Amino acid sequence: MEISLSDLTQAEIQEIIDNSNHTSYESIKEFHDDGLLEVFPSADDVWSGYSDDEKITLSTGKVVLFIGG
């Protein structure tokens, strides 16, 4: 079950920026809207075949998955 970007806190958004090539919420939102970025409640919700360089586990336990590109 994917989490909406609007459900992320400012701290979680900042953590994504700090640990990726994204520099703003707008950049993250564009990737999300294009289907290239998804957020899940926990690692248990993400298919185990994705490698560590395709995902970020936030300090809150949520997982950001980068798809393709």
Protein backbone atom coordinates (compact mmCIF):
# COMPACT_ATOMS: atom_id res chain seq x y z
CA MET A 1 0.00 0.00 0.00
CA GLU A 2 1.60 3.21 -1.19
CA ILE A 3 1.62 6.37 0.94
CA SER A 4 0.64 9.72 -0.57
CA LEU A 5 3.33 12.41 -0.62
CA SER A 6 0.91 14.70 1.20
CA ASP A 7 1.07 12.30 4.16
CA LEU A 8 4.83 12.81 4.59
CA THR A 9 6.11 15.24 7.19
CA GLN A 10 8.47 18.09 6.34
CA ALA A 11 11.24 16.18 8.13
CA GLU A 12 10.61 13.11 5.93
CA ILE A 13 10.68 15.25 2.78
CA GLN A 14 13.97 16.78 3.95
CA GLU A 15 15.37 13.32 4.61
CA ILE A 16 14.54 12.31 1.01
CA ILE A 17 16.27 15.47 -0.27
CA ASP A 18 19.31 14.84 1.93
CA ASN A 19 19.69 11.24 0.72
CA SER A 20 18.89 11.53 -2.99
CA ASN A 21 19.51 13.65 -6.06
CA HIS A 22 16.32 15.61 -5.40
CA THR A 23 16.70 19.21 -4.31
CA SER A 24 13.08 20.16 -3.62
CA TYR A 25 9.60 18.87 -2.85
CA GLU A 26 8.61 19.83 -6.39
CA SER A 27 11.26 17.51 -7.83
CA ILE A 28 10.09 14.65 -5.60
CA LYS A 29 6.46 15.31 -6.55
CA GLU A 30 7.30 15.33 -10.27
CA PHE A 31 8.99 11.91 -9.99
CA HIS A 32 6.05 10.62 -7.94
CA ASP A 33 3.51 11.94 -10.46
CA ASP A 34 5.48 10.30 -13.29
CA GLY A 35 5.41 6.95 -11.45
CA LEU A 36 9.16 6.95 -10.78
CA LEU A 37 8.98 7.31 -6.99
CA GLU A 38 6.72 5.59 -4.47
CA VAL A 39 6.57 5.69 -0.68
CA PHE A 40 5.61 2.69 1.44
CA PRO A 41 4.82 2.37 5.16
CA SER A 42 7.66 -0.09 5.83
CA ALA A 43 10.22 -2.39 4.24
CA ASP A 44 7.70 -5.23 4.58
CA ASP A 45 5.52 -3.47 1.99
CA VAL A 46 8.28 -3.33 -0.67
CA TRP A 47 9.09 -6.24 -2.98
CA SER A 48 12.37 -7.73 -1.75
CA GLY A 49 13.88 -7.79 -5.26
CA TYR A 50 14.70 -4.08 -5.18
CA SER A 51 18.33 -3.35 -4.37
CA ASP A 52 19.49 -0.93 -1.68
CA ASP A 53 20.48 1.69 -4.26
CA GLU A 54 16.86 1.80 -5.46
CA LYS A 55 15.37 2.69 -2.09
CA ILE A 56 15.83 4.84 0.99
CA THR A 57 14.58 3.79 4.41
CA LEU A 58 13.60 6.91 6.33
CA SER A 59 14.19 7.27 10.06
CA THR A 60 10.43 6.81 10.53
CA GLY A 61 10.61 3.37 8.88
CA LYS A 62 8.89 4.46 5.68
CA VAL A 63 10.60 3.36 2.49
CA VAL A 64 11.06 5.54 -0.61
CA LEU A 65 11.40 3.45 -3.76
CA PHE A 66 12.95 4.85 -6.94
CA ILE A 67 11.61 3.06 -10.02
CA GLY A 68 13.62 3.06 -13.24
CA GLY A 69 15.32 6.17 -14.56
